[in-house]
C-alpha atoms as a PDB file:
ATOM      1  CA  UNK A   1     112.079  71.500 128.944  1.00  0.00           C
ATOM      2  CA  UNK A   2     110.753  73.921 126.306  1.00  0.00           C
ATOM      3  CA  UNK A   3     112.080  77.470 126.278  1.00  0.00           C
ATOM      4  CA  UNK A   4     110.588  80.670 124.899  1.00  0.00           C
ATOM      5  CA  UNK A   5     112.195  82.228 121.849  1.00  0.00           C
ATOM      6  CA  UNK A   6     114.041  85.207 123.369  1.00  0.00           C
ATOM      7  CA  UNK A   7     111.897  87.780 121.510  1.00  0.00           C
ATOM      8  CA  UNK A   8     108.692  86.033 122.588  1.00  0.00           C
ATOM      9  CA  UNK A   9     109.918  85.901 126.184  1.00  0.00           C
ATOM     10  CA  UNK A  10     110.583  89.641 126.300  1.00  0.00           C
ATOM     11  CA  UNK A  11     107.213  90.327 124.677  1.00  0.00           C
ATOM     12  CA  UNK A  12     105.438  88.314 127.369  1.00  0.00           C
ATOM     13  CA  UNK A  13     107.451  89.880 130.198  1.00  0.00           C
ATOM     14  CA  UNK A  14     106.780  93.393 128.888  1.00  0.00           C
ATOM     15  CA  UNK A  15     103.056  92.653 128.748  1.00  0.00           C
ATOM     16  CA  UNK A  16     102.999  91.201 132.263  1.00  0.00           C
ATOM     17  CA  UNK A  17     104.957  94.163 133.570  1.00  0.00           C
ATOM     18  CA  UNK A  18     102.585  96.589 131.854  1.00  0.00           C
ATOM     19  CA  UNK A  19      99.594  94.820 133.402  1.00  0.00           C
ATOM     20  CA  UNK A  20     101.168  94.988 136.870  1.00  0.00           C
ATOM     21  CA  UNK A  21     101.445  91.217 137.276  1.00  0.00           C
ATOM     22  CA  UNK A  22     105.188  91.394 137.917  1.00  0.00           C
ATOM     23  CA  UNK A  23     107.663  94.180 138.651  1.00  0.00           C
ATOM     24  CA  UNK A  24     110.421  95.335 136.288  1.00  0.00           C
ATOM     25  CA  UNK A  25     113.012  93.716 138.594  1.00  0.00           C
ATOM     26  CA  UNK A  26     111.160  90.418 138.494  1.00  0.00           C
ATOM     27  CA  UNK A  27     110.991  90.589 134.689  1.00  0.00           C
ATOM     28  CA  UNK A  28     114.742  91.108 134.484  1.00  0.00           C
ATOM     29  CA  UNK A  29     115.329  88.216 136.888  1.00  0.00           C
ATOM     30  CA  UNK A  30     113.148  85.875 134.834  1.00  0.00           C
ATOM     31  CA  UNK A  31     114.939  86.897 131.611  1.00  0.00           C
ATOM     32  CA  UNK A  32     118.340  86.330 133.234  1.00  0.00           C
ATOM     33  CA  UNK A  33     117.230  82.921 134.538  1.00  0.00           C
ATOM     34  CA  UNK A  34     116.075  81.822 131.080  1.00  0.00           C
ATOM     35  CA  UNK A  35     119.324  82.965 129.469  1.00  0.00           C
ATOM     36  CA  UNK A  36     121.362  81.081 132.061  1.00  0.00           C
ATOM     37  CA  UNK A  37     119.328  77.881 131.742  1.00  0.00           C
ATOM     38  CA  UNK A  38     118.902  77.754 127.984  1.00  0.00           C
ATOM     39  CA  UNK A  39     120.122  74.347 126.736  1.00  0.00           C
ATOM     40  CA  UNK A  40     123.629  74.264 125.313  1.00  0.00           C
ATOM     41  CA  UNK A  41     123.672  74.891 121.590  1.00  0.00           C
ATOM     42  CA  UNK A  42     120.332  76.737 121.600  1.00  0.00           C
ATOM     43  CA  UNK A  43     120.969  80.327 120.706  1.00  0.00           C
ATOM     44  CA  UNK A  44     119.329  83.054 118.714  1.00  0.00           C
ATOM     45  CA  UNK A  45     122.331  85.315 118.399  1.00  0.00           C
ATOM     46  CA  UNK A  46     123.928  85.706 114.983  1.00  0.00           C
ATOM     47  CA  UNK A  47     123.660  83.595 111.849  1.00  0.00           C
ATOM     48  CA  UNK A  48     126.037  80.739 111.075  1.00  0.00           C
ATOM     49  CA  UNK A  49     127.586  80.041 107.692  1.00  0.00           C
ATOM     50  CA  UNK A  50     125.598  76.822 107.411  1.00  0.00           C
ATOM     51  CA  UNK A  51     122.326  78.688 107.900  1.00  0.00           C
ATOM     52  CA  UNK A  52     123.266  81.217 105.219  1.00  0.00           C
ATOM     53  CA  UNK A  53     124.133  78.415 102.792  1.00  0.00           C
ATOM     54  CA  UNK A  54     120.765  76.735 103.407  1.00  0.00           C
ATOM     55  CA  UNK A  55     118.844  79.934 102.731  1.00  0.00           C
ATOM     56  CA  UNK A  56     120.987  80.949  99.757  1.00  0.00           C
ATOM     57  CA  UNK A  57     120.891  77.522  98.116  1.00  0.00           C
ATOM     58  CA  UNK A  58     117.135  77.100  98.541  1.00  0.00           C
ATOM     59  CA  UNK A  59     116.316  80.566  97.195  1.00  0.00           C
ATOM     60  CA  UNK A  60     118.721  80.209  94.249  1.00  0.00           C
ATOM     61  CA  UNK A  61     117.036  76.901  93.381  1.00  0.00           C
ATOM     62  CA  UNK A  62     113.642  78.647  93.503  1.00  0.00           C
ATOM     63  CA  UNK A  63     114.908  81.327  91.109  1.00  0.00           C
ATOM     64  CA  UNK A  64     116.211  78.621  88.786  1.00  0.00           C
ATOM     65  CA  UNK A  65     112.816  76.896  88.712  1.00  0.00           C
ATOM     66  CA  UNK A  66     110.977  80.123  87.947  1.00  0.00           C
ATOM     67  CA  UNK A  67     113.540  80.909  85.256  1.00  0.00           C
ATOM     68  CA  UNK A  68     113.018  77.452  83.763  1.00  0.00           C
ATOM     69  CA  UNK A  69     109.301  78.143  83.288  1.00  0.00           C
ATOM     70  CA  UNK A  70     109.834  81.347  81.293  1.00  0.00           C
ATOM     71  CA  UNK A  71     112.762  80.112  79.186  1.00  0.00           C
ATOM     72  CA  UNK A  72     113.239  76.399  78.483  1.00  0.00           C
ATOM     73  CA  UNK A  73     109.549  75.519  78.971  1.00  0.00           C
ATOM     74  CA  UNK A  74     108.261  78.484  76.992  1.00  0.00           C
ATOM     75  CA  UNK A  75     107.431  76.246  73.991  1.00  0.00           C
ATOM     76  CA  UNK A  76     105.714  73.545  76.037  1.00  0.00           C
ATOM     77  CA  UNK A  77     101.913  73.485  75.938  1.00  0.00           C
ATOM     78  CA  UNK A  78     100.154  75.463  78.650  1.00  0.00           C
ATOM     79  CA  UNK A  79      98.570  72.445  80.344  1.00  0.00           C
ATOM     80  CA  UNK A  80     101.839  70.473  80.262  1.00  0.00           C
ATOM     81  CA  UNK A  81     103.601  73.386  81.895  1.00  0.00           C
ATOM     82  CA  UNK A  82     100.836  73.582  84.507  1.00  0.00           C
ATOM     83  CA  UNK A  83     101.351  69.897  85.338  1.00  0.00           C
ATOM     84  CA  UNK A  84     105.102  70.376  85.667  1.00  0.00           C
ATOM     85  CA  UNK A  85     104.613  73.389  87.925  1.00  0.00           C
ATOM     86  CA  UNK A  86     102.240  71.481  90.208  1.00  0.00           C
ATOM     87  CA  UNK A  87     104.701  68.585  90.367  1.00  0.00           C
ATOM     88  CA  UNK A  88     107.599  70.859  91.309  1.00  0.00           C
ATOM     89  CA  UNK A  89     105.453  72.647  93.910  1.00  0.00           C
ATOM     90  CA  UNK A  90     104.574  69.281  95.474  1.00  0.00           C
ATOM     91  CA  UNK A  91     108.244  68.252  95.586  1.00  0.00           C
ATOM     92  CA  UNK A  92     109.218  71.616  97.123  1.00  0.00           C
ATOM     93  CA  UNK A  93     106.511  71.273  99.766  1.00  0.00           C
ATOM     94  CA  UNK A  94     107.542  67.716 100.613  1.00  0.00           C
ATOM     95  CA  UNK A  95     111.223  68.641 100.911  1.00  0.00           C
ATOM     96  CA  UNK A  96     110.364  71.579 103.166  1.00  0.00           C
ATOM     97  CA  UNK A  97     108.286  69.354 105.446  1.00  0.00           C
ATOM     98  CA  UNK A  98     110.975  66.649 105.645  1.00  0.00           C
ATOM     99  CA  UNK A  99     113.837  69.076 106.299  1.00  0.00           C
ATOM    100  CA  UNK A 100     111.753  70.808 108.955  1.00  0.00           C
ATOM    101  CA  UNK A 101     111.924  67.562 110.903  1.00  0.00           C
ATOM    102  CA  UNK A 102     115.599  66.875 110.263  1.00  0.00           C
ATOM    103  CA  UNK A 103     118.324  67.929 112.680  1.00  0.00           C
ATOM    104  CA  UNK A 104     119.649  71.392 111.737  1.00  0.00           C
ATOM    105  CA  UNK A 105     117.370  71.497 108.692  1.00  0.00           C
ATOM    106  CA  UNK A 106     115.087  74.327 109.853  1.00  0.00           C
ATOM    107  CA  UNK A 107     116.689  77.100 107.720  1.00  0.00           C
ATOM    108  CA  UNK A 108     116.400  75.064 104.518  1.00  0.00           C
ATOM    109  CA  UNK A 109     112.814  74.142 105.431  1.00  0.00           C
ATOM    110  CA  UNK A 110     112.055  77.824 106.009  1.00  0.00           C
ATOM    111  CA  UNK A 111     113.370  78.905 102.605  1.00  0.00           C
ATOM    112  CA  UNK A 112     111.855  75.911 100.799  1.00  0.00           C
ATOM    113  CA  UNK A 113     108.500  76.526 102.482  1.00  0.00           C
ATOM    114  CA  UNK A 114     108.527  80.097 101.223  1.00  0.00           C
ATOM    115  CA  UNK A 115     109.473  78.803  97.778  1.00  0.00           C
ATOM    116  CA  UNK A 116     106.640  76.273  97.869  1.00  0.00           C
ATOM    117  CA  UNK A 117     104.103  79.055  98.500  1.00  0.00           C
ATOM    118  CA  UNK A 118     105.492  81.021  95.539  1.00  0.00           C
ATOM    119  CA  UNK A 119     105.402  77.925  93.308  1.00  0.00           C
ATOM    120  CA  UNK A 120     101.795  77.098  94.211  1.00  0.00           C
ATOM    121  CA  UNK A 121     100.845  80.683  93.372  1.00  0.00           C
ATOM    122  CA  UNK A 122     102.706  80.455  90.050  1.00  0.00           C
ATOM    123  CA  UNK A 123     101.033  77.128  89.261  1.00  0.00           C
ATOM    124  CA  UNK A 124      97.585  78.604  89.867  1.00  0.00           C
ATOM    125  CA  UNK A 125      98.412  81.487  87.544  1.00  0.00           C
ATOM    126  CA  UNK A 126      99.490  78.978  84.898  1.00  0.00           C
ATOM    127  CA  UNK A 127      96.093  77.249  85.152  1.00  0.00           C
ATOM    128  CA  UNK A 128      94.384  80.516  84.177  1.00  0.00           C
ATOM    129  CA  UNK A 129      96.966  81.129  81.452  1.00  0.00           C
ATOM    130  CA  UNK A 130      96.001  77.754  79.986  1.00  0.00           C
ATOM    131  CA  UNK A 131      92.387  78.916  79.538  1.00  0.00           C
ATOM    132  CA  UNK A 132      93.463  82.317  78.155  1.00  0.00           C
ATOM    133  CA  UNK A 133      92.276  84.337  81.141  1.00  0.00           C
ATOM    134  CA  UNK A 134      95.640  86.088  81.332  1.00  0.00           C
ATOM    135  CA  UNK A 135      97.045  88.189  78.513  1.00  0.00           C
ATOM    136  CA  UNK A 136      96.061  90.875  76.067  1.00  0.00           C
ATOM    137  CA  UNK A 137      92.789  89.221  75.032  1.00  0.00           C
ATOM    138  CA  UNK A 138      91.521  88.598  78.559  1.00  0.00           C
ATOM    139  CA  UNK A 139      88.530  90.684  79.657  1.00  0.00           C
ATOM    140  CA  UNK A 140      88.665  92.796  82.842  1.00  0.00           C
ATOM    141  CA  UNK A 141      86.228  90.375  84.462  1.00  0.00           C
ATOM    142  CA  UNK A 142      88.429  87.378  83.649  1.00  0.00           C
ATOM    143  CA  UNK A 143      91.501  89.160  84.999  1.00  0.00           C
ATOM    144  CA  UNK A 144      89.728  90.039  88.246  1.00  0.00           C
ATOM    145  CA  UNK A 145      88.582  86.446  88.813  1.00  0.00           C
ATOM    146  CA  UNK A 146      92.095  85.212  87.995  1.00  0.00           C
ATOM    147  CA  UNK A 147      93.797  87.545  90.443  1.00  0.00           C
ATOM    148  CA  UNK A 148      91.240  86.881  93.168  1.00  0.00           C
ATOM    149  CA  UNK A 149      91.451  83.081  92.943  1.00  0.00           C
ATOM    150  CA  UNK A 150      95.236  82.923  92.580  1.00  0.00           C
ATOM    151  CA  UNK A 151      95.745  85.293  95.502  1.00  0.00           C
ATOM    152  CA  UNK A 152      93.648  82.995  97.703  1.00  0.00           C
ATOM    153  CA  UNK A 153      95.687  79.988  96.548  1.00  0.00           C
ATOM    154  CA  UNK A 154      98.955  81.791  97.247  1.00  0.00           C
ATOM    155  CA  UNK A 155      97.819  83.092 100.642  1.00  0.00           C
ATOM    156  CA  UNK A 156      96.551  79.662 101.717  1.00  0.00           C
ATOM    157  CA  UNK A 157      99.756  77.919 100.625  1.00  0.00           C
ATOM    158  CA  UNK A 158     101.880  80.522 102.422  1.00  0.00           C
ATOM    159  CA  UNK A 159      99.897  80.384 105.661  1.00  0.00           C
ATOM    160  CA  UNK A 160      99.881  76.577 105.757  1.00  0.00           C
ATOM    161  CA  UNK A 161     103.646  76.538 105.091  1.00  0.00           C
ATOM    162  CA  UNK A 162     104.280  79.073 107.854  1.00  0.00           C
ATOM    163  CA  UNK A 163     102.128  77.120 110.295  1.00  0.00           C
ATOM    164  CA  UNK A 164     102.798  73.475 109.440  1.00  0.00           C
ATOM    165  CA  UNK A 165     106.295  73.153 107.915  1.00  0.00           C
ATOM    166  CA  UNK A 166     107.005  75.440 109.786  1.00  0.00           C
ATOM    167  CA  UNK A 167     108.447  78.053 107.451  1.00  0.00           C
ATOM    168  CA  UNK A 168     108.240  81.505 109.094  1.00  0.00           C
ATOM    169  CA  UNK A 169     109.500  83.194 105.919  1.00  0.00           C
ATOM    170  CA  UNK A 170     106.335  82.039 104.145  1.00  0.00           C
ATOM    171  CA  UNK A 171     104.486  84.460 106.417  1.00  0.00           C
ATOM    172  CA  UNK A 172     105.856  87.196 104.150  1.00  0.00           C
ATOM    173  CA  UNK A 173     103.857  85.978 101.163  1.00  0.00           C
ATOM    174  CA  UNK A 174     100.452  85.434 102.780  1.00  0.00           C
ATOM    175  CA  UNK A 175      99.433  89.073 103.471  1.00  0.00           C
ATOM    176  CA  UNK A 176     100.862  90.232 100.134  1.00  0.00           C
ATOM    177  CA  UNK A 177      98.645  87.746  98.324  1.00  0.00           C
ATOM    178  CA  UNK A 178      95.608  88.618 100.456  1.00  0.00           C
ATOM    179  CA  UNK A 179      96.039  92.361  99.952  1.00  0.00           C
ATOM    180  CA  UNK A 180      96.452  91.900  96.212  1.00  0.00           C
ATOM    181  CA  UNK A 181      93.288  89.788  96.124  1.00  0.00           C
ATOM    182  CA  UNK A 182      91.381  92.372  98.139  1.00  0.00           C
ATOM    183  CA  UNK A 183      92.501  95.023  95.665  1.00  0.00           C
ATOM    184  CA  UNK A 184      90.408  93.293  93.012  1.00  0.00           C
ATOM    185  CA  UNK A 185      87.249  94.370  94.845  1.00  0.00           C
ATOM    186  CA  UNK A 186      88.309  97.999  94.709  1.00  0.00           C
ATOM    187  CA  UNK A 187      89.109  97.444  91.038  1.00  0.00           C
ATOM    188  CA  UNK A 188      85.650  95.980  90.495  1.00  0.00           C
ATOM    189  CA  UNK A 189      83.864  98.951  92.067  1.00  0.00           C
ATOM    190  CA  UNK A 190      86.074 101.900  91.170  1.00  0.00           C
ATOM    191  CA  UNK A 191      87.689 100.932  87.877  1.00  0.00           C
ATOM    192  CA  UNK A 192      85.458  98.221  86.444  1.00  0.00           C
ATOM    193  CA  UNK A 193      86.088  98.840  82.754  1.00  0.00           C
ATOM    194  CA  UNK A 194      89.888  98.945  82.896  1.00  0.00           C
ATOM    195  CA  UNK A 195      92.550  96.233  82.799  1.00  0.00           C
ATOM    196  CA  UNK A 196      94.322  97.448  85.954  1.00  0.00           C
ATOM    197  CA  UNK A 197      93.260  97.899  89.599  1.00  0.00           C
ATOM    198  CA  UNK A 198      93.620 101.706  89.421  1.00  0.00           C
ATOM    199  CA  UNK A 199      93.058 104.085  92.315  1.00  0.00           C
ATOM    200  CA  UNK A 200      90.225 102.092  93.886  1.00  0.00           C
ATOM    201  CA  UNK A 201      92.183  98.849  93.943  1.00  0.00           C
ATOM    202  CA  UNK A 202      95.332 100.493  95.299  1.00  0.00           C
ATOM    203  CA  UNK A 203      93.447 102.228  98.100  1.00  0.00           C
ATOM    204  CA  UNK A 204      91.810  98.964  99.175  1.00  0.00           C
ATOM    205  CA  UNK A 205      95.253  97.328  99.213  1.00  0.00           C
ATOM    206  CA  UNK A 206      96.535 100.055 101.547  1.00  0.00           C
ATOM    207  CA  UNK A 207      93.691  99.632 104.017  1.00  0.00           C
ATOM    208  CA  UNK A 208      93.743  95.830 103.926  1.00  0.00           C
ATOM    209  CA  UNK A 209      97.540  95.842 104.334  1.00  0.00           C
ATOM    210  CA  UNK A 210      97.244  97.836 107.559  1.00  0.00           C
ATOM    211  CA  UNK A 211      94.457  95.603 108.855  1.00  0.00           C
ATOM    212  CA  UNK A 212      96.476  92.455 108.144  1.00  0.00           C
ATOM    213  CA  UNK A 213      99.505  93.956 109.897  1.00  0.00           C
ATOM    214  CA  UNK A 214      97.396  94.748 112.959  1.00  0.00           C
ATOM    215  CA  UNK A 215      96.294  91.112 113.141  1.00  0.00           C
ATOM    216  CA  UNK A 216      99.893  90.138 113.906  1.00  0.00           C
ATOM    217  CA  UNK A 217     100.471  92.746 116.628  1.00  0.00           C
ATOM    218  CA  UNK A 218      99.624  90.527 119.580  1.00  0.00           C
ATOM    219  CA  UNK A 219     101.289  87.405 120.911  1.00  0.00           C
ATOM    220  CA  UNK A 220      99.704  84.187 119.708  1.00  0.00           C
ATOM    221  CA  UNK A 221      97.692  85.904 116.976  1.00  0.00           C
ATOM    222  CA  UNK A 222      97.163  84.020 113.714  1.00  0.00           C
ATOM    223  CA  UNK A 223      98.544  80.934 115.549  1.00  0.00           C
ATOM    224  CA  UNK A 224     101.979  81.880 114.185  1.00  0.00           C
ATOM    225  CA  UNK A 225     105.238  82.124 116.122  1.00  0.00           C
ATOM    226  CA  UNK A 226     107.196  85.336 116.632  1.00  0.00           C
ATOM    227  CA  UNK A 227     109.326  85.069 113.484  1.00  0.00           C
ATOM    228  CA  UNK A 228     106.376  84.220 111.241  1.00  0.00           C
ATOM    229  CA  UNK A 229     104.381  87.145 112.660  1.00  0.00           C
ATOM    230  CA  UNK A 230     107.336  89.460 112.005  1.00  0.00           C
ATOM    231  CA  UNK A 231     107.506  88.373 108.359  1.00  0.00           C
ATOM    232  CA  UNK A 232     103.710  88.715 108.154  1.00  0.00           C
ATOM    233  CA  UNK A 233     103.975  92.329 109.338  1.00  0.00           C
ATOM    234  CA  UNK A 234     106.747  93.048 106.833  1.00  0.00           C
ATOM    235  CA  UNK A 235     104.647  91.673 103.985  1.00  0.00           C
ATOM    236  CA  UNK A 236     101.454  93.456 105.026  1.00  0.00           C
ATOM    237  CA  UNK A 237     103.065  96.835 105.696  1.00  0.00           C
ATOM    238  CA  UNK A 238     105.279  96.486 102.637  1.00  0.00           C
ATOM    239  CA  UNK A 239     102.362  96.024 100.219  1.00  0.00           C
ATOM    240  CA  UNK A 240     100.432  98.836 101.931  1.00  0.00           C
ATOM    241  CA  UNK A 241     103.440 101.147 101.655  1.00  0.00           C
ATOM    242  CA  UNK A 242     104.015 100.378  97.966  1.00  0.00           C
ATOM    243  CA  UNK A 243     100.371 101.037  97.084  1.00  0.00           C
ATOM    244  CA  UNK A 244     100.259 104.258  99.136  1.00  0.00           C
ATOM    245  CA  UNK A 245     103.439 105.610  97.522  1.00  0.00           C
ATOM    246  CA  UNK A 246     102.202 104.816  94.011  1.00  0.00           C
ATOM    247  CA  UNK A 247      99.000 106.719  94.779  1.00  0.00           C
ATOM    248  CA  UNK A 248     100.895 109.683  96.240  1.00  0.00           C
ATOM    249  CA  UNK A 249     103.245 109.892  93.236  1.00  0.00           C
ATOM    250  CA  UNK A 250     100.694 109.128  90.532  1.00  0.00           C
ATOM    251  CA  UNK A 251      97.663 111.000  91.845  1.00  0.00           C
ATOM    252  CA  UNK A 252      99.165 113.640  94.160  1.00  0.00           C
ATOM    253  CA  UNK A 253      96.809 115.964  95.986  1.00  0.00           C
ATOM    254  CA  UNK A 254      94.862 114.272  98.755  1.00  0.00           C
ATOM    255  CA  UNK A 255      96.834 111.049  98.345  1.00  0.00           C
ATOM    256  CA  UNK A 256     100.013 112.819  99.418  1.00  0.00           C
ATOM    257  CA  UNK A 257      98.196 113.928 102.555  1.00  0.00           C
ATOM    258  CA  UNK A 258      96.951 110.384 103.109  1.00  0.00           C
ATOM    259  CA  UNK A 259     100.524 109.072 102.949  1.00  0.00           C
ATOM    260  CA  UNK A 260     101.456 111.493 105.731  1.00  0.00           C
ATOM    261  CA  UNK A 261      98.377 110.468 107.736  1.00  0.00           C
ATOM    262  CA  UNK A 262      99.288 106.804 107.307  1.00  0.00           C
ATOM    263  CA  UNK A 263     102.818 107.483 108.577  1.00  0.00           C
ATOM    264  CA  UNK A 264     101.602 109.305 111.686  1.00  0.00           C
ATOM    265  CA  UNK A 265      98.820 106.826 112.450  1.00  0.00           C
ATOM    266  CA  UNK A 266     101.128 103.858 112.005  1.00  0.00           C
ATOM    267  CA  UNK A 267     103.741 105.457 114.266  1.00  0.00           C
ATOM    268  CA  UNK A 268     101.193 105.976 117.042  1.00  0.00           C
ATOM    269  CA  UNK A 269      99.879 102.419 116.730  1.00  0.00           C
ATOM    270  CA  UNK A 270     103.409 100.981 116.596  1.00  0.00           C
ATOM    271  CA  UNK A 271     104.563 102.791 119.723  1.00  0.00           C
ATOM    272  CA  UNK A 272     101.383 101.875 121.609  1.00  0.00           C
ATOM    273  CA  UNK A 273     101.709  98.214 120.590  1.00  0.00           C
ATOM    274  CA  UNK A 274     105.525  98.216 120.935  1.00  0.00           C
ATOM    275  CA  UNK A 275     106.076  96.896 117.406  1.00  0.00           C
ATOM    276  CA  UNK A 276     109.486  97.664 115.930  1.00  0.00           C
ATOM    277  CA  UNK A 277     108.616  96.566 112.375  1.00  0.00           C
ATOM    278  CA  UNK A 278     105.714  99.005 112.298  1.00  0.00           C
ATOM    279  CA  UNK A 279     107.929 101.801 113.670  1.00  0.00           C
ATOM    280  CA  UNK A 280     110.378 101.241 110.803  1.00  0.00           C
ATOM    281  CA  UNK A 281     107.610 101.357 108.183  1.00  0.00           C
ATOM    282  CA  UNK A 282     106.135 104.476 109.788  1.00  0.00           C
ATOM    283  CA  UNK A 283     109.529 106.193 109.482  1.00  0.00           C
ATOM    284  CA  UNK A 284     109.933 105.002 105.888  1.00  0.00           C
ATOM    285  CA  UNK A 285     106.459 106.310 104.968  1.00  0.00           C
ATOM    286  CA  UNK A 286     107.192 109.680 106.565  1.00  0.00           C
ATOM    287  CA  UNK A 287     110.441 110.087 104.628  1.00  0.00           C
ATOM    288  CA  UNK A 288     108.729 109.013 101.420  1.00  0.00           C
ATOM    289  CA  UNK A 289     106.137 111.736 102.006  1.00  0.00           C
ATOM    290  CA  UNK A 290     108.870 114.315 102.651  1.00  0.00           C
ATOM    291  CA  UNK A 291     110.735 113.199  99.541  1.00  0.00           C
ATOM    292  CA  UNK A 292     107.659 113.428  97.324  1.00  0.00           C
ATOM    293  CA  UNK A 293     106.760 116.901  98.611  1.00  0.00           C
ATOM    294  CA  UNK A 294     110.335 118.203  98.259  1.00  0.00           C
ATOM    295  CA  UNK A 295     110.754 116.835  94.747  1.00  0.00           C
ATOM    296  CA  UNK A 296     107.396 118.226  93.631  1.00  0.00           C
ATOM    297  CA  UNK A 297     108.256 121.612  95.138  1.00  0.00           C
ATOM    298  CA  UNK A 298     111.688 121.840  93.529  1.00  0.00           C
ATOM    299  CA  UNK A 299     110.798 119.746  90.452  1.00  0.00           C
ATOM    300  CA  UNK A 300     113.641 117.305  91.039  1.00  0.00           C
ATOM    301  CA  UNK A 301     116.344 119.985  91.067  1.00  0.00           C
ATOM    302  CA  UNK A 302     119.641 119.639  92.899  1.00  0.00           C
ATOM    303  CA  UNK A 303     118.134 121.621  95.792  1.00  0.00           C
ATOM    304  CA  UNK A 304     115.701 118.761  96.457  1.00  0.00           C
ATOM    305  CA  UNK A 305     118.533 116.259  96.848  1.00  0.00           C
ATOM    306  CA  UNK A 306     120.486 118.589  99.142  1.00  0.00           C
ATOM    307  CA  UNK A 307     117.425 119.292 101.304  1.00  0.00           C
ATOM    308  CA  UNK A 308     116.645 115.586 101.671  1.00  0.00           C
ATOM    309  CA  UNK A 309     120.265 114.849 102.600  1.00  0.00           C
ATOM    310  CA  UNK A 310     120.212 117.577 105.254  1.00  0.00           C
ATOM    311  CA  UNK A 311     116.907 116.325 106.654  1.00  0.00           C
ATOM    312  CA  UNK A 312     118.251 112.787 106.855  1.00  0.00           C
ATOM    313  CA  UNK A 313     121.525 113.799 108.498  1.00  0.00           C
ATOM    314  CA  UNK A 314     119.731 116.153 110.874  1.00  0.00           C
ATOM    315  CA  UNK A 315     117.401 113.379 111.950  1.00  0.00           C
ATOM    316  CA  UNK A 316     120.313 111.004 112.534  1.00  0.00           C
ATOM    317  CA  UNK A 317     122.148 113.589 114.640  1.00  0.00           C
ATOM    318  CA  UNK A 318     118.965 114.453 116.527  1.00  0.00           C
ATOM    319  CA  UNK A 319     118.398 110.772 117.254  1.00  0.00           C
ATOM    320  CA  UNK A 320     121.946 110.513 118.592  1.00  0.00           C
ATOM    321  CA  UNK A 321     121.389 113.448 120.938  1.00  0.00           C
ATOM    322  CA  UNK A 322     118.064 112.020 122.101  1.00  0.00           C
ATOM    323  CA  UNK A 323     119.686 108.660 122.740  1.00  0.00           C
ATOM    324  CA  UNK A 324     122.383 110.214 124.864  1.00  0.00           C
ATOM    325  CA  UNK A 325     119.679 112.115 126.750  1.00  0.00           C
ATOM    326  CA  UNK A 326     117.918 108.988 127.910  1.00  0.00           C
ATOM    327  CA  UNK A 327     115.159 108.371 125.369  1.00  0.00           C
ATOM    328  CA  UNK A 328     116.583 104.873 124.973  1.00  0.00           C
ATOM    329  CA  UNK A 329     114.560 103.930 128.021  1.00  0.00           C
ATOM    330  CA  UNK A 330     111.417 104.100 125.909  1.00  0.00           C
ATOM    331  CA  UNK A 331     111.658 100.683 124.290  1.00  0.00           C
ATOM    332  CA  UNK A 332     109.603  99.921 121.191  1.00  0.00           C
ATOM    333  CA  UNK A 333     109.650  96.208 121.915  1.00  0.00           C
ATOM    334  CA  UNK A 334     112.529  93.798 121.657  1.00  0.00           C
END
């Protein structure tokens, strides 16, 4: 008999409780029943040494392949290197699919699936390098087309890997690639004559990152499982956060205020949707805003560091007091 992943089970029970379909006591009873009747050997607690070795080995091999392209194969012709990259990406994809169907091979399949998405993206970039659409002599228009097409290739490869291998970790790469591709439209409109996305591109990436994160807020969205949706949220909110911070640091002014607005808005949405990943990114964005303001005010002096340390420690102590006072009953999801 199939069993819910524990996080998915709690998500469903919380939703049913919130909609009044079952009581809190019934939800706890169902959760206890599932824990007691989970098949022997099926657990989601902790990470074994074998799992760590599968992830570590697969990701080290990916790094070795990428290193091979920029070192040993640097003197190989562009089209030959493209062919080699496609071949390696196909092998990586096939291994991920096979290991995903082997007993105890899921962790290796997960890491290899993520690697396959990265390799397909790299191969598509190499195709444009072969026609000189990447580099110092490329025009802004050529660069925009390159980044748009390769981002779609990378996002498609990542989503298919997350869905079909399945490789939940590949869900990290899909929204990053999509947001980067969307940034080319802002580049086109707001910074058309330059060789970089600029303010327009970065702002589009922020907005698209938040939209992509919201797509993964609900159970069953994107047809991805719980772990894949978590990685999707991390990728989407991560790229949005990076772009927003670069704008706040580089442009200042209104963009600092926007970073604060993003933090508050994301916190409200995260609490309403009971999404822990979004809560973490909301807190990170808020502290980034505080850090930028403090460092601008004190021009990076020692006082800025001391103030930030006191704010951080004060927040930690305040959170401890709140926890002891019962705020732990307000769960932000499981």
